[in-house]
Amino acid sequence: MFVVSQKIKSPHRRKAFTLVELLVVFAIIGVLVGLLLSAVQAARESARRMNCQSNLKNVSLACLSYESSQGRLPPGSAINRVRTRNGLSLHVELLSYVEQNALEESIKRQVETFRKNDPARQPPNIYDLEQVNEIEVEIYRCPSDSEVIDNRNGEDLSASSYAGVTGSAASRGDAEHFVGEDDNLCGVVNFDGVFFPGSRVKLRQIQDGTTNTLLFGERWYQLRAWTAGAFWRPEATGSLATMPVPDSCLSALKNVDMKAPLNASLPTDGYYRGHEDDDRPGPAPPELKITGYNNLPFGSFHPGGANFSTVDGSVHFVNNDIAGEILLALASRDGAELTPEPWN
């Protein structure tokens, strides 16, 4: 009798992934990780933008507290009678209103000591203040910008992301409300806004309404120390009999100008006339160094626009595509250019 042996079948072996299948899996994982990272980055930027808006709102409310105490808004910059010495900025004026009393006292002590020995009896240049310009005042800095510094005048001096709005008279052809010429390093000085060197604007002078008049706006390009207000150029021909003084260079303040739109593209709209190779965002072609210091654009690192505050203390995110005429109108305090509800 023959026994027929049967071959025992081995269990089914699972096939390995093919190279194509692995590539597909890796691609899907990559897409999911990319989407997750984008969502995380968007959430972080949203938080930074909200923090920035909160800072700007608190700075604006500090201005209103100053006005309530002094009967006027703070000057955009103090006037230093010595040419080339920067006057103290409106950010210095607001220190006690943003809970920086100790810092304000330090500046006052240094100014008083210097004035006693100065032949002109004037404050020092702000860059000669000790242990001041290096201090970061967080409420003056937008967290979306990692370099709110002045590298032009020293090692990592702290700056401010928020500049006061001087107006838009020159761009609107309102010859009665600006001084100077636009063909020098700094350019014209508008004084139809709420801030300018030596300004003493009262709320009743804001005929366009506090909700329709810009107070502060965000900036990132060509920042200077937060204490720097404005100074006269060495070649300045004006005198203190004319306010504001022609040939003034404004650091804490900027004009709104049609040729420097919100978040302007520097390679298209032009760089600062004094731009240096190590200034951010990098070297600029000589033929594109065409913008005066006082007309440098407002802008931010928030996608799509920048934050501005108005005199009533509210903060608005202004889109890059805002009509230039509307931004010019918002910059003036008594131009009567706007219809109601410009933010709608």
Protein backbone atom coordinates (compact mmCIF):
# COMPACT_ATOMS: atom_id res chain seq x y z
CA MET A 1 0.00 0.00 0.00
CA PHE A 2 1.43 3.22 -1.06
CA VAL A 3 1.04 6.36 1.05
CA VAL A 4 0.84 9.49 -0.99
CA SER A 5 2.49 12.31 0.84
CA GLN A 6 0.86 15.74 0.59
CA LYS A 7 2.86 18.91 0.41
CA ILE A 8 1.93 21.19 3.27
CA LYS A 9 1.24 24.69 1.96
CA SER A 10 3.08 27.46 3.75
CA PRO A 11 1.11 30.40 5.10
CA HIS A 12 0.55 33.25 2.63
CA ARG A 13 3.45 35.67 2.72
CA ARG A 14 2.56 39.42 2.64
CA LYS A 15 4.16 41.21 -0.22
CA ALA A 16 6.43 44.19 0.61
CA PHE A 17 5.54 47.72 -0.48
CA THR A 18 6.75 48.59 -3.89
CA LEU A 19 8.92 51.64 -4.44
CA VAL A 20 6.00 53.46 -6.05
CA GLU A 21 3.75 52.76 -3.06
CA LEU A 22 6.42 54.04 -0.67
CA LEU A 23 6.85 57.21 -2.69
CA VAL A 24 3.09 57.80 -2.63
CA VAL A 25 2.98 57.31 1.15
CA PHE A 26 5.89 59.69 1.67
CA ALA A 27 4.24 62.25 -0.62
CA ILE A 28 0.99 62.08 1.35
CA ILE A 29 2.86 62.43 4.63
CA GLY A 30 4.77 65.40 3.22
CA VAL A 31 1.55 67.11 2.15
CA LEU A 32 -0.03 66.54 5.56
CA VAL A 33 3.05 67.86 7.37
CA GLY A 34 3.10 70.89 5.05
CA LEU A 35 -0.57 71.61 5.75
CA LEU A 36 0.01 71.20 9.48
CA LEU A 37 3.02 73.53 9.47
CA SER A 38 1.11 76.11 7.43
CA ALA A 39 -1.76 75.96 9.90
CA VAL A 40 0.63 76.32 12.85
CA GLN A 41 2.42 79.25 11.21
CA ALA A 42 -0.89 80.93 10.37
CA ALA A 43 -2.05 80.51 13.95
CA ARG A 44 1.19 81.95 15.28
CA GLU A 45 1.01 84.93 12.92
CA SER A 46 -2.61 85.50 13.91
CA ALA A 47 -1.53 85.62 17.56
CA ARG A 48 1.36 87.98 16.73
CA ARG A 49 -0.95 90.24 14.76
CA MET A 50 -3.41 90.40 17.65
CA ASN A 51 -0.54 91.19 20.02
CA CYS A 52 0.64 93.92 17.64
CA GLN A 53 -2.85 95.41 17.49
CA SER A 54 -3.01 95.36 21.28
CA ASN A 55 0.32 97.19 21.53
CA LEU A 56 -0.79 99.80 19.02
CA LYS A 57 -4.10 100.30 20.78
CA ASN A 58 -2.40 100.80 24.13
CA VAL A 59 0.07 103.31 22.64
CA SER A 60 -2.87 105.18 21.10
CA LEU A 61 -4.80 105.19 24.37
CA ALA A 62 -1.66 106.53 26.05
CA CYS A 63 -1.82 109.47 23.62
CA LEU A 64 -5.41 110.12 24.65
CA SER A 65 -4.42 109.97 28.32
CA TYR A 66 -1.66 112.48 27.55
CA GLU A 67 -4.22 114.72 25.83
CA SER A 68 -6.57 114.44 28.79
CA SER A 69 -3.74 115.50 31.12
CA GLN A 70 -2.06 118.16 28.95
CA GLY A 71 -4.95 119.45 26.85
CA ARG A 72 -3.25 118.46 23.59
CA LEU A 73 -1.67 115.50 21.88
CA PRO A 74 2.08 114.98 22.43
CA PRO A 75 4.50 116.69 20.04
CA GLY A 76 5.76 114.39 17.32
CA SER A 77 9.28 115.41 18.30
CA ALA A 78 10.86 117.89 20.62
CA ILE A 79 12.85 120.61 18.86
CA ASN A 80 16.56 120.60 19.59
CA ARG A 81 17.95 124.01 18.60
CA VAL A 82 21.33 122.50 17.76
CA ARG A 83 21.45 121.23 14.19
CA THR A 84 21.96 117.48 13.70
CA ARG A 85 20.98 116.69 17.32
CA ASN A 86 17.90 114.48 17.35
CA GLY A 87 15.05 115.81 19.45
CA LEU A 88 13.31 113.40 21.79
CA SER A 89 10.46 111.50 20.15
CA LEU A 90 6.80 111.26 21.04
CA HIS A 91 7.61 107.75 22.32
CA VAL A 92 9.67 109.41 25.07
CA GLU A 93 6.78 111.79 25.84
CA LEU A 94 4.51 108.79 26.38
CA LEU A 95 6.74 106.79 28.71
CA SER A 96 4.89 107.63 31.92
CA TYR A 97 1.61 106.76 30.18
CA VAL A 98 2.83 103.27 29.21
CA GLU A 99 4.11 102.41 32.70
CA GLN A 100 7.76 103.25 32.00
CA ASN A 101 8.25 105.89 34.68
CA ALA A 102 11.71 104.74 35.72
CA LEU A 103 12.96 104.96 32.14
CA GLU A 104 11.46 108.43 31.77
CA GLU A 105 13.19 109.59 34.95
CA SER A 106 16.52 108.26 33.72
CA ILE A 107 16.19 110.28 30.51
CA LYS A 108 15.15 113.42 32.39
CA ARG A 109 18.15 113.20 34.73
CA GLN A 110 20.58 112.84 31.84
CA VAL A 111 18.98 115.71 29.91
CA GLU A 112 19.09 118.04 32.91
CA THR A 113 22.73 117.21 33.63
CA PHE A 114 23.75 117.79 30.02
CA ARG A 115 21.85 121.08 29.67
CA LYS A 116 23.67 122.58 32.65
CA ASN A 117 27.01 122.30 30.84
CA ASP A 118 25.87 122.80 27.25
CA PRO A 119 26.60 126.27 25.79
CA ALA A 120 23.27 126.16 23.91
CA ARG A 121 21.43 124.87 27.00
CA GLN A 122 19.93 122.11 24.87
CA PRO A 123 19.43 118.37 25.45
CA PRO A 124 22.04 115.96 24.13
CA ASN A 125 21.67 114.07 20.90
CA ILE A 126 19.49 111.08 21.77
CA TYR A 127 22.31 108.71 20.75
CA ASP A 128 24.44 110.11 23.58
CA LEU A 129 21.98 108.92 26.23
CA GLU A 130 23.39 106.10 28.33
CA GLN A 131 21.55 102.81 28.92
CA VAL A 132 18.44 104.04 27.15
CA ASN A 133 18.45 103.26 23.44
CA GLU A 134 19.41 99.64 24.07
CA ILE A 135 16.30 99.06 26.20
CA GLU A 136 13.42 97.28 24.48
CA VAL A 137 10.05 98.83 25.29
CA GLU A 138 7.86 95.90 24.31
CA ILE A 139 4.71 97.96 23.80
CA TYR A 140 6.51 99.83 21.00
CA ARG A 141 7.47 96.66 19.10
CA CYS A 142 5.41 94.43 16.80
CA PRO A 143 6.19 90.75 17.48
CA SER A 144 5.84 89.90 13.78
CA ASP A 145 9.09 91.77 13.16
CA SER A 146 12.13 90.01 14.60
CA GLU A 147 14.48 92.98 13.95
CA VAL A 148 12.92 96.10 15.46
CA ILE A 149 16.37 97.63 15.79
CA ASP A 150 18.50 100.56 14.63
CA ASN A 151 21.76 99.20 13.30
CA ARG A 152 22.63 102.46 11.57
CA ASN A 153 23.77 104.22 14.75
CA GLY A 154 25.13 101.53 17.04
CA GLU A 155 25.02 97.92 18.08
CA ASP A 156 21.46 96.56 18.17
CA LEU A 157 19.76 99.72 19.41
CA SER A 158 16.05 99.17 20.01
CA ALA A 159 13.54 100.87 17.71
CA SER A 160 9.76 101.23 17.46
CA SER A 161 7.42 99.59 14.96
CA TYR A 162 4.95 102.47 15.19
CA ALA A 163 5.40 105.92 13.64
CA GLY A 164 3.20 108.97 14.03
CA VAL A 165 1.39 110.25 10.94
CA THR A 166 2.32 113.80 9.87
CA GLY A 167 -0.30 114.14 7.16
CA SER A 168 -0.40 114.06 3.36
CA ALA A 169 -0.42 117.72 2.28
CA ALA A 170 2.47 117.54 -0.19
CA SER A 171 0.98 114.56 -2.03
CA ARG A 172 -2.42 116.30 -2.17
CA GLY A 173 -0.93 119.57 -3.43
CA ASP A 174 -1.94 121.46 -0.28
CA ALA A 175 0.94 123.98 -0.30
CA GLU A 176 -0.20 125.68 2.92
CA HIS A 177 0.40 122.58 5.02
CA PHE A 178 3.90 121.39 4.18
CA VAL A 179 7.38 122.90 4.13
CA GLY A 180 10.63 122.03 2.41
CA GLU A 181 11.56 120.48 -0.91
CA ASP A 182 11.28 116.88 -2.05
CA ASP A 183 14.64 116.70 -3.82
CA ASN A 184 16.95 116.41 -0.80
CA LEU A 185 17.82 113.50 1.48
CA CYS A 186 14.86 113.91 3.80
CA GLY A 187 12.18 115.61 1.70
CA VAL A 188 9.18 117.66 2.72
CA VAL A 189 7.58 117.92 6.16
CA ASN A 190 3.79 117.73 6.26
CA PHE A 191 1.93 119.32 9.14
CA ASP A 192 -1.72 118.65 8.24
CA GLY A 193 -1.71 115.49 10.39
CA VAL A 194 -1.77 115.14 14.16
CA PHE A 195 2.02 114.86 14.67
CA PHE A 196 4.99 116.90 13.45
CA PRO A 197 8.09 118.39 15.12
CA GLY A 198 6.94 120.75 17.85
CA SER A 199 3.24 119.94 17.25
CA ARG A 200 0.62 120.91 19.83
CA VAL A 201 -2.54 119.58 18.17
CA LYS A 202 -5.76 119.68 20.17
CA LEU A 203 -8.70 117.38 19.56
CA ARG A 204 -10.93 120.27 18.48
CA GLN A 205 -8.52 120.90 15.59
CA ILE A 206 -9.26 117.47 14.14
CA GLN A 207 -12.14 118.60 11.94
CA ASP A 208 -12.32 115.35 9.95
CA GLY A 209 -13.29 113.47 13.11
CA THR A 210 -11.22 111.34 15.44
CA THR A 211 -12.49 108.12 13.83
CA ASN A 212 -11.38 109.31 10.37
CA THR A 213 -7.90 110.60 11.20
CA LEU A 214 -4.78 108.44 11.40
CA LEU A 215 -2.64 108.56 14.54
CA PHE A 216 -0.01 105.81 14.22
CA GLY A 217 0.94 103.30 11.56
CA GLU A 218 3.25 100.28 11.38
CA ARG A 219 6.69 100.48 9.81
CA TRP A 220 9.67 98.16 9.31
CA TYR A 221 11.97 99.84 6.77
CA GLN A 222 14.79 102.17 7.91
CA LEU A 223 13.91 102.19 11.60
CA ARG A 224 15.84 104.32 14.06
CA ALA A 225 16.11 104.28 17.86
CA TRP A 226 12.76 104.69 19.59
CA THR A 227 13.99 107.86 21.30
CA ALA A 228 14.79 109.60 17.98
CA GLY A 229 12.23 112.21 16.99
CA ALA A 230 13.59 114.57 14.32
CA PHE A 231 16.67 116.66 13.57
CA TRP A 232 17.78 119.43 11.21
CA ARG A 233 20.06 118.54 8.36
CA PRO A 234 23.43 120.34 8.50
CA GLU A 235 22.44 122.13 5.28
CA ALA A 236 19.06 123.25 6.67
CA THR A 237 18.17 126.82 5.75
CA GLY A 238 15.11 127.26 7.96
CA SER A 239 14.85 128.80 11.41
CA LEU A 240 12.76 128.28 14.51
CA ALA A 241 10.59 131.15 13.32
CA THR A 242 9.08 128.62 10.89
CA MET A 243 7.31 125.63 12.40
CA PRO A 244 7.95 122.92 11.52
CA VAL A 245 11.46 123.70 10.35
CA PRO A 246 12.19 122.95 6.65
CA ASP A 247 14.91 120.38 6.04
CA SER A 248 13.94 118.40 9.13
CA CYS A 249 14.51 114.64 9.04
CA LEU A 250 11.73 112.68 10.75
CA SER A 251 12.45 109.34 12.45
CA ALA A 252 9.46 108.86 14.77
CA LEU A 253 7.09 110.34 12.17
CA LYS A 254 6.36 109.80 8.50
CA ASN A 255 4.37 111.42 5.72
CA VAL A 256 1.68 109.54 3.83
CA ASP A 257 2.59 109.91 0.17
CA MET A 258 1.06 108.54 -3.01
CA LYS A 259 4.49 107.54 -4.35
CA ALA A 260 5.14 105.35 -1.29
CA PRO A 261 2.09 103.07 -1.05
CA LEU A 262 1.32 100.85 1.91
CA ASN A 263 3.80 97.94 2.03
CA ALA A 264 5.51 99.39 -1.03
CA SER A 265 7.62 97.05 -3.13
CA LEU A 266 11.06 98.59 -2.71
CA PRO A 267 12.48 97.24 -6.02
CA THR A 268 9.48 98.80 -7.79
CA ASP A 269 8.62 101.90 -5.79
CA GLY A 270 12.12 102.80 -4.67
CA TYR A 271 14.48 102.66 -1.69
CA TYR A 272 15.59 105.39 0.71
CA ARG A 273 17.97 107.87 -0.90
CA GLY A 274 20.48 107.12 1.86
CA HIS A 275 20.08 103.33 1.79
CA GLU A 276 23.33 101.51 2.62
CA ASP A 277 24.32 98.02 1.52
CA ASP A 278 23.98 96.47 4.97
CA ASP A 279 20.52 97.98 5.58
CA ARG A 280 17.73 95.49 5.38
CA PRO A 281 16.55 94.05 3.07
CA GLY A 282 20.02 94.24 1.45
CA PRO A 283 21.90 96.21 -1.21
CA ALA A 284 19.88 98.47 -3.50
CA PRO A 285 20.71 99.62 -7.05
CA PRO A 286 21.77 103.29 -7.06
CA GLU A 287 19.10 104.19 -9.61
CA LEU A 288 16.38 102.99 -7.21
CA LYS A 289 17.49 105.14 -4.25
CA ILE A 290 14.82 107.74 -4.89
CA THR A 291 12.63 108.12 -1.79
CA GLY A 292 13.12 110.87 0.78
CA TYR A 293 13.50 109.84 4.42
CA ASN A 294 10.24 111.49 5.51
CA ASN A 295 8.24 109.70 2.80
CA LEU A 296 9.42 106.17 3.54
CA PRO A 297 6.45 103.79 3.41
CA PHE A 298 4.29 102.43 6.18
CA GLY A 299 4.16 98.64 6.17
CA SER A 300 4.41 95.44 8.18
CA PHE A 301 5.20 91.72 8.08
CA HIS A 302 1.52 90.83 8.40
CA PRO A 303 0.23 89.23 5.18
CA GLY A 304 -1.92 91.59 3.14
CA GLY A 305 -1.62 94.88 4.98
CA ALA A 306 -0.64 96.76 8.12
CA ASN A 307 -2.17 98.08 11.32
CA PHE A 308 -3.05 101.73 11.82
CA SER A 309 -4.70 103.49 14.72
CA THR A 310 -6.97 106.51 14.60
CA VAL A 311 -7.27 109.39 17.04
CA ASP A 312 -10.25 107.82 18.82
CA GLY A 313 -7.91 105.01 19.93
CA SER A 314 -9.28 102.31 17.63
CA VAL A 315 -7.02 100.06 15.55
CA HIS A 316 -7.71 99.02 11.96
CA PHE A 317 -6.00 96.48 9.73
CA VAL A 318 -5.61 98.33 6.42
CA ASN A 319 -5.31 96.18 3.30
CA ASN A 320 -2.52 96.79 0.81
CA ASP A 321 -5.08 97.47 -1.92
CA ILE A 322 -6.62 100.46 -0.15
CA ALA A 323 -7.12 103.31 -2.61
CA GLY A 324 -4.28 105.81 -2.33
CA GLU A 325 -6.74 108.72 -2.21
CA ILE A 326 -8.45 107.24 0.84
CA LEU A 327 -5.17 106.78 2.73
CA LEU A 328 -4.18 110.37 1.88
CA ALA A 329 -7.52 111.61 3.16
CA LEU A 330 -7.26 109.63 6.39
CA ALA A 331 -3.82 111.14 7.05
CA SER A 332 -5.03 114.74 7.25
CA ARG A 333 -6.85 116.12 10.27
CA ASP A 334 -8.99 118.82 8.61
CA GLY A 335 -9.10 118.20 4.87
CA ALA A 336 -12.83 117.34 4.74
CA GLU A 337 -12.08 114.79 2.02
CA LEU A 338 -13.86 111.73 3.39
CA THR A 339 -17.41 110.51 3.35
CA PRO A 340 -18.59 108.78 6.57
CA GLU A 341 -17.46 105.25 7.45
CA PRO A 342 -14.19 105.08 5.50
CA TRP A 343 -13.34 101.70 7.07
CA ASN A 344 -16.35 99.89 5.56
